Amino acid sequence: MAICMRGGLSSDFDPNKMLPREFAITTDTGEVYICTAPGEVVRLATMEQLNALLELSPEAYSALQELISLLGDQTVISGLLSDVQNLKSGDVKYNFSEAELRNNIDTTDNLKGILGKIKKWFSDLKAVALSGSYLDLIDAPTLGTAASKGVSNVLTQASEGYVLDARQGKALKDLISQLNSKSEYKTYSASNIHSDIGNNSIIVKANDYECKINGFMSLKAGTYNNTVLFKVPFTLSYVPYFSTTLVGRGFKISRDGEFCPNGLFTLDRDTYIYFNVSFVI
C-alpha cells in the first residue's frame, strides 16, 4: 500500500480534507501533520525541533525529564488515572489547610488557597449567623425587663406589667400644653372703682387657678363700712381676707369679686393704702 502524503503552503492547509493515516507537510513552514480519524489531525514534531526547544529552555528540558521519570512509575500513572476518573465522576477530594486570617479570595490563589480561605470564614461564623436568633448574640445589649412587658395605649392603665405606647407621648404633650396655658397669667382691669379713691394703681393678674392683686390707692378721709372700693372680674367659691399697710384695718373680697373693708372703720385724713394679695379662684 502506497503511503499518502499531501503537501502545499500552510495557508492552503485544510485538516478536514485529510483522510485517516494520511500525512501532510507545509512546504513553506516545514510543519508535519497526520490524520488519525476523519476530522482529527495531530501535528508532529521532529527531533531537531524538540532539541531546539529544549536548548532554548533548560527548565522545559528538566520538566520533560521529570515527566518521563514519573511516567515510568506505575504508581504515579495509577494515581493520575484515578484523579482523572474522579474528575469525571465529580468525586474529587482535596487536602488543604484552613487560612490563618480572614481574607477575600484573589485571582492569584490556587484551589487549595481558595478552599482554605472559605473554611476560615465558615469557622469564624457564630451561631447567630445561621440561626438569626437574638438569643445567640454574644455581648448582646441588655433590654431590661421592659422587653417582656405588654404595651398600653391609654393613660388610665392602672395594672402593672405594661409599658406606655409611644403615641401617648403626644397625649402627654397636649396635656402639658393645656396645663401651661391654664397656668399662664393674664392681666385684667378692676371695675366699679369707688369715687372716694383718688390716685391709684390696681394691677389684677390671674390664671385658671389663682388671682393676684397688688398696687396702691389714695383713700379719702371718711367712714367706710363694707364699702365696695373696686371689683375684679371673678366669681369666688369663698371669701378671702387679708391685711394691707393700713394698720388695724382688714380687707376682704366677696364671692362676687368685690374688694371692700372688713367691717367698719374711719379715716381722719386721706391715706395711701398698699396691698398685695393672692387667692385661689
Protein backbone atom coordinates (compact mmCIF):
# COMPACT_ATOMS: atom_id res chain seq x y z
CA MET A 1 0.00 0.00 0.00
CA ALA A 2 1.36 3.35 -1.01
CA ILE A 3 1.88 6.00 1.70
CA CYS A 4 -0.36 9.02 1.08
CA MET A 5 1.29 12.39 1.55
CA ARG A 6 -0.17 15.84 0.96
CA GLY A 7 1.90 18.96 0.52
CA GLY A 8 1.42 22.69 -0.01
CA LEU A 9 1.52 26.09 1.59
CA SER A 10 0.41 26.42 5.22
CA SER A 11 -2.25 28.94 4.17
CA ASP A 12 -3.85 26.27 1.96
CA PHE A 13 -3.80 23.53 4.61
CA ASP A 14 -7.35 22.24 5.43
CA PRO A 15 -7.38 19.43 8.06
CA ASN A 16 -10.95 18.47 7.19
CA LYS A 17 -9.84 17.30 3.73
CA MET A 18 -7.36 14.78 5.09
CA LEU A 19 -8.00 11.01 5.18
CA PRO A 20 -7.14 8.66 8.07
CA ARG A 21 -3.42 7.64 8.12
CA GLU A 22 -2.63 10.41 5.63
CA PHE A 23 0.35 12.72 6.21
CA ALA A 24 0.60 16.38 5.22
CA ILE A 25 3.58 18.74 5.11
CA THR A 26 3.61 22.50 4.71
CA THR A 27 6.30 23.39 2.23
CA ASP A 28 6.79 26.93 3.48
CA THR A 29 6.96 26.27 7.28
CA GLY A 30 8.05 22.63 7.39
CA GLU A 31 5.18 21.50 9.68
CA VAL A 32 4.10 17.84 9.58
CA TYR A 33 0.60 16.55 10.32
CA ILE A 34 -1.09 13.11 10.41
CA CYS A 35 -4.80 12.36 10.28
CA THR A 36 -5.77 9.77 12.90
CA ALA A 37 -9.53 9.79 12.13
CA PRO A 38 -11.89 11.83 10.00
CA GLY A 39 -11.62 15.44 11.18
CA GLU A 40 -8.88 14.67 13.75
CA VAL A 41 -5.37 15.86 12.84
CA VAL A 42 -2.25 15.82 15.03
CA ARG A 43 0.80 17.99 14.43
CA LEU A 44 4.12 16.13 14.70
CA ALA A 45 7.46 17.47 15.93
CA THR A 46 10.85 16.36 14.70
CA MET A 47 13.80 15.55 16.95
CA GLU A 48 15.53 18.65 15.65
CA GLN A 49 12.59 20.81 16.70
CA LEU A 50 12.49 19.21 20.18
CA ASN A 51 16.20 19.69 20.66
CA ALA A 52 15.98 23.32 19.57
CA LEU A 53 13.10 23.89 22.00
CA LEU A 54 14.94 22.27 24.90
CA GLU A 55 18.11 24.21 24.18
CA LEU A 56 16.12 27.45 24.37
CA SER A 57 14.52 26.46 27.71
CA PRO A 58 16.58 24.37 30.15
CA GLU A 59 13.64 24.47 32.57
CA ALA A 60 11.43 22.84 29.96
CA TYR A 61 14.07 20.15 29.41
CA SER A 62 14.22 19.42 33.14
CA ALA A 63 10.43 19.27 33.35
CA LEU A 64 10.33 16.86 30.41
CA GLN A 65 12.93 14.62 32.05
CA GLU A 66 10.92 14.63 35.30
CA LEU A 67 7.72 13.82 33.44
CA ILE A 68 9.38 10.91 31.64
CA SER A 69 10.64 9.63 35.01
CA LEU A 70 7.18 9.91 36.61
CA LEU A 71 5.52 8.18 33.69
CA GLY A 72 7.90 5.32 34.22
CA ASP A 73 6.48 4.87 37.75
CA GLN A 74 3.33 2.75 37.60
CA THR A 75 2.15 4.11 40.98
CA VAL A 76 2.19 7.68 39.68
CA ILE A 77 0.42 6.64 36.50
CA SER A 78 -2.27 4.83 38.54
CA GLY A 79 -2.72 7.93 40.70
CA LEU A 80 -3.09 10.17 37.66
CA LEU A 81 -5.62 7.81 36.12
CA SER A 82 -7.53 7.73 39.44
CA ASP A 83 -7.59 11.54 39.58
CA VAL A 84 -8.87 11.70 36.03
CA GLN A 85 -11.60 9.19 36.90
CA ASN A 86 -12.58 11.21 39.99
CA LEU A 87 -12.78 14.36 37.89
CA LYS A 88 -15.17 12.60 35.55
CA SER A 89 -17.36 11.32 38.40
CA GLY A 90 -17.28 14.59 40.43
CA ASP A 91 -15.84 12.75 43.44
CA VAL A 92 -12.74 14.93 43.85
CA LYS A 93 -11.13 15.35 47.28
CA TYR A 94 -8.51 17.96 48.15
CA ASN A 95 -6.19 18.17 51.10
CA PHE A 96 -5.99 21.80 52.23
CA SER A 97 -5.42 23.80 55.42
CA GLU A 98 -7.60 26.49 56.91
CA ALA A 99 -6.26 30.01 56.33
CA GLU A 100 -4.89 31.87 59.35
CA LEU A 101 -6.66 35.15 58.54
CA ARG A 102 -10.00 36.12 57.03
CA ASN A 103 -9.11 37.44 53.58
CA ASN A 104 -11.03 37.65 50.34
CA ILE A 105 -10.14 35.20 47.58
CA ASP A 106 -7.86 36.51 44.86
CA THR A 107 -7.25 35.67 41.22
CA THR A 108 -3.71 34.62 42.13
CA ASP A 109 -4.92 31.97 44.64
CA ASN A 110 -4.79 28.30 43.73
CA LEU A 111 -7.67 25.96 44.54
CA LYS A 112 -6.25 24.90 47.91
CA GLY A 113 -5.74 28.51 48.90
CA ILE A 114 -9.31 29.42 47.95
CA LEU A 115 -10.74 26.49 49.91
CA GLY A 116 -8.61 27.41 52.93
CA LYS A 117 -9.92 30.98 52.91
CA ILE A 118 -13.53 29.81 52.59
CA LYS A 119 -13.09 27.42 55.51
CA LYS A 120 -11.69 30.26 57.66
CA TRP A 121 -14.78 32.36 57.04
CA PHE A 122 -17.10 29.49 57.95
CA SER A 123 -15.07 28.66 61.06
CA ASP A 124 -15.34 32.23 62.32
CA LEU A 125 -19.10 32.44 61.83
CA LYS A 126 -21.00 32.41 65.13
CA ALA A 127 -24.25 30.60 65.81
CA VAL A 128 -26.34 33.74 65.25
CA ALA A 129 -25.17 33.92 61.61
CA LEU A 130 -27.13 30.77 60.85
CA SER A 131 -29.91 30.91 63.45
CA GLY A 132 -30.73 34.62 63.24
CA SER A 133 -31.79 34.40 66.89
CA TYR A 134 -31.22 37.32 69.26
CA LEU A 135 -30.53 34.75 71.99
CA ASP A 136 -27.42 33.58 70.10
CA LEU A 137 -25.82 37.04 70.15
CA ILE A 138 -22.60 37.42 72.12
CA ASP A 139 -22.32 40.58 74.26
CA ALA A 140 -25.89 41.43 73.29
CA PRO A 141 -27.23 44.70 74.75
CA THR A 142 -29.45 44.27 77.78
CA LEU A 143 -33.04 45.15 77.00
CA GLY A 144 -34.13 45.07 80.62
CA THR A 145 -37.48 43.89 81.85
CA ALA A 146 -39.37 46.30 79.60
CA ALA A 147 -38.85 43.96 76.63
CA SER A 148 -41.17 41.37 78.21
CA LYS A 149 -43.93 43.80 79.16
CA GLY A 150 -47.21 44.48 77.41
CA VAL A 151 -47.86 47.81 75.70
CA SER A 152 -50.68 50.08 76.86
CA ASN A 153 -52.00 52.89 74.68
CA VAL A 154 -54.03 54.65 77.38
CA LEU A 155 -53.07 56.99 80.21
CA THR A 156 -55.57 55.37 82.54
CA GLN A 157 -53.84 51.98 82.75
CA ALA A 158 -53.60 51.06 86.44
CA SER A 159 -52.40 47.45 86.21
CA GLU A 160 -48.73 46.55 86.47
CA GLY A 161 -46.85 44.75 83.73
CA TYR A 162 -47.26 47.36 80.97
CA VAL A 163 -45.12 49.99 79.25
CA LEU A 164 -46.58 53.13 77.73
CA ASP A 165 -47.14 53.25 73.99
CA ALA A 166 -45.11 55.96 72.24
CA ARG A 167 -48.34 57.52 70.95
CA GLN A 168 -49.13 58.58 74.48
CA GLY A 169 -46.17 60.94 74.29
CA LYS A 170 -48.33 63.19 72.10
CA ALA A 171 -51.21 62.90 74.54
CA LEU A 172 -48.96 63.88 77.44
CA LYS A 173 -47.53 66.80 75.46
CA ASP A 174 -51.04 68.09 74.75
CA LEU A 175 -51.96 67.81 78.41
CA ILE A 176 -48.83 69.69 79.45
CA SER A 177 -49.52 72.40 76.88
CA GLN A 178 -53.07 72.68 78.17
CA LEU A 179 -51.82 72.90 81.75
CA ASN A 180 -49.29 75.57 80.79
CA SER A 181 -51.99 77.62 79.06
CA LYS A 182 -54.15 77.44 82.15
CA SER A 183 -51.19 78.41 84.34
CA GLU A 184 -50.31 81.46 82.27
CA TYR A 185 -51.24 84.72 83.99
CA LYS A 186 -53.33 87.28 82.15
CA THR A 187 -53.87 90.91 83.15
CA TYR A 188 -57.37 92.20 83.93
CA SER A 189 -58.80 95.63 84.75
CA ALA A 190 -60.51 96.49 88.02
CA SER A 191 -64.04 97.91 87.67
CA ASN A 192 -66.51 99.83 89.83
CA ILE A 193 -63.74 101.94 91.38
CA HIS A 194 -65.21 103.95 94.28
CA SER A 195 -65.40 107.72 93.87
CA ASP A 196 -63.53 108.24 97.18
CA ILE A 197 -60.46 106.63 95.66
CA GLY A 198 -58.07 109.16 94.23
CA ASN A 199 -54.74 108.32 92.64
CA ASN A 200 -54.48 104.54 92.22
CA SER A 201 -52.65 101.73 90.52
CA ILE A 202 -54.56 98.48 90.72
CA ILE A 203 -52.98 95.52 88.94
CA VAL A 204 -55.05 92.35 88.59
CA LYS A 205 -53.46 89.17 87.17
CA ALA A 206 -54.97 85.70 87.11
CA ASN A 207 -54.84 82.29 85.52
CA ASP A 208 -57.31 79.42 85.74
CA TYR A 209 -56.28 78.69 89.34
CA GLU A 210 -55.15 81.86 91.12
CA CYS A 211 -55.69 85.62 91.20
CA LYS A 212 -53.11 88.21 92.29
CA ILE A 213 -53.99 91.83 93.14
CA ASN A 214 -51.33 94.40 94.01
CA GLY A 215 -50.82 98.13 93.84
CA PHE A 216 -51.97 101.16 95.80
CA MET A 217 -54.86 103.61 96.12
CA SER A 218 -55.39 107.00 97.78
CA LEU A 219 -58.45 106.65 100.02
CA LYS A 220 -60.13 109.91 101.11
CA ALA A 221 -60.92 110.67 104.78
CA GLY A 222 -64.27 109.29 105.86
CA THR A 223 -66.15 106.31 107.29
CA TYR A 224 -66.17 103.01 105.44
CA ASN A 225 -68.48 100.14 106.35
CA ASN A 226 -68.09 97.19 103.98
CA THR A 227 -67.90 99.78 101.23
CA VAL A 228 -67.04 98.34 97.80
CA LEU A 229 -63.81 100.05 96.72
CA PHE A 230 -63.43 98.21 93.37
CA LYS A 231 -64.33 94.92 91.77
CA VAL A 232 -62.37 92.16 90.00
CA PRO A 233 -63.99 90.08 87.20
CA PHE A 234 -64.10 86.76 89.06
CA THR A 235 -66.66 84.75 90.97
CA LEU A 236 -65.16 83.07 94.05
CA SER A 237 -66.21 79.95 95.92
CA TYR A 238 -65.19 81.51 99.24
CA VAL A 239 -64.37 84.90 100.82
CA PRO A 240 -60.63 85.60 101.24
CA TYR A 241 -59.47 88.01 103.97
CA PHE A 242 -56.18 89.91 104.03
CA SER A 243 -54.42 92.90 105.52
CA THR A 244 -52.82 95.97 103.94
CA THR A 245 -50.45 98.75 105.06
CA LEU A 246 -53.40 100.32 106.86
CA VAL A 247 -52.62 99.11 110.37
CA GLY A 248 -55.54 97.55 112.17
CA ARG A 249 -57.73 97.55 109.13
CA GLY A 250 -58.57 94.32 107.39
CA PHE A 251 -60.00 93.85 103.92
CA LYS A 252 -61.87 91.10 102.11
CA ILE A 253 -63.06 90.10 98.65
CA SER A 254 -66.62 88.93 98.33
CA ARG A 255 -67.67 85.98 96.23
CA ASP A 256 -68.74 88.44 93.55
CA GLY A 257 -65.17 89.79 93.39
CA GLU A 258 -65.86 92.98 95.38
CA PHE A 259 -62.85 94.47 97.19
CA CYS A 260 -64.02 96.13 100.43
CA PRO A 261 -63.09 96.82 104.09
CA ASN A 262 -63.83 94.04 106.53
CA GLY A 263 -66.35 95.84 108.71
CA LEU A 264 -66.46 99.50 109.81
CA PHE A 265 -63.52 101.87 110.10
CA THR A 266 -62.96 105.63 109.87
CA LEU A 267 -60.12 107.56 108.27
CA ASP A 268 -59.40 111.05 109.69
CA ARG A 269 -57.31 112.04 106.66
CA ASP A 270 -56.54 110.97 103.11
CA THR A 271 -54.47 107.79 103.28
CA TYR A 272 -52.42 105.78 100.79
CA ILE A 273 -53.06 102.03 101.09
CA TYR A 274 -50.68 99.50 99.57
CA PHE A 275 -51.83 95.91 99.05
CA ASN A 276 -50.55 92.63 97.67
CA VAL A 277 -52.86 89.65 97.87
CA SER A 278 -53.29 86.34 96.08
CA PHE A 279 -56.11 83.82 96.38
CA VAL A 280 -57.45 80.69 94.73
CA ILE A 281 -60.26 81.12 92.24
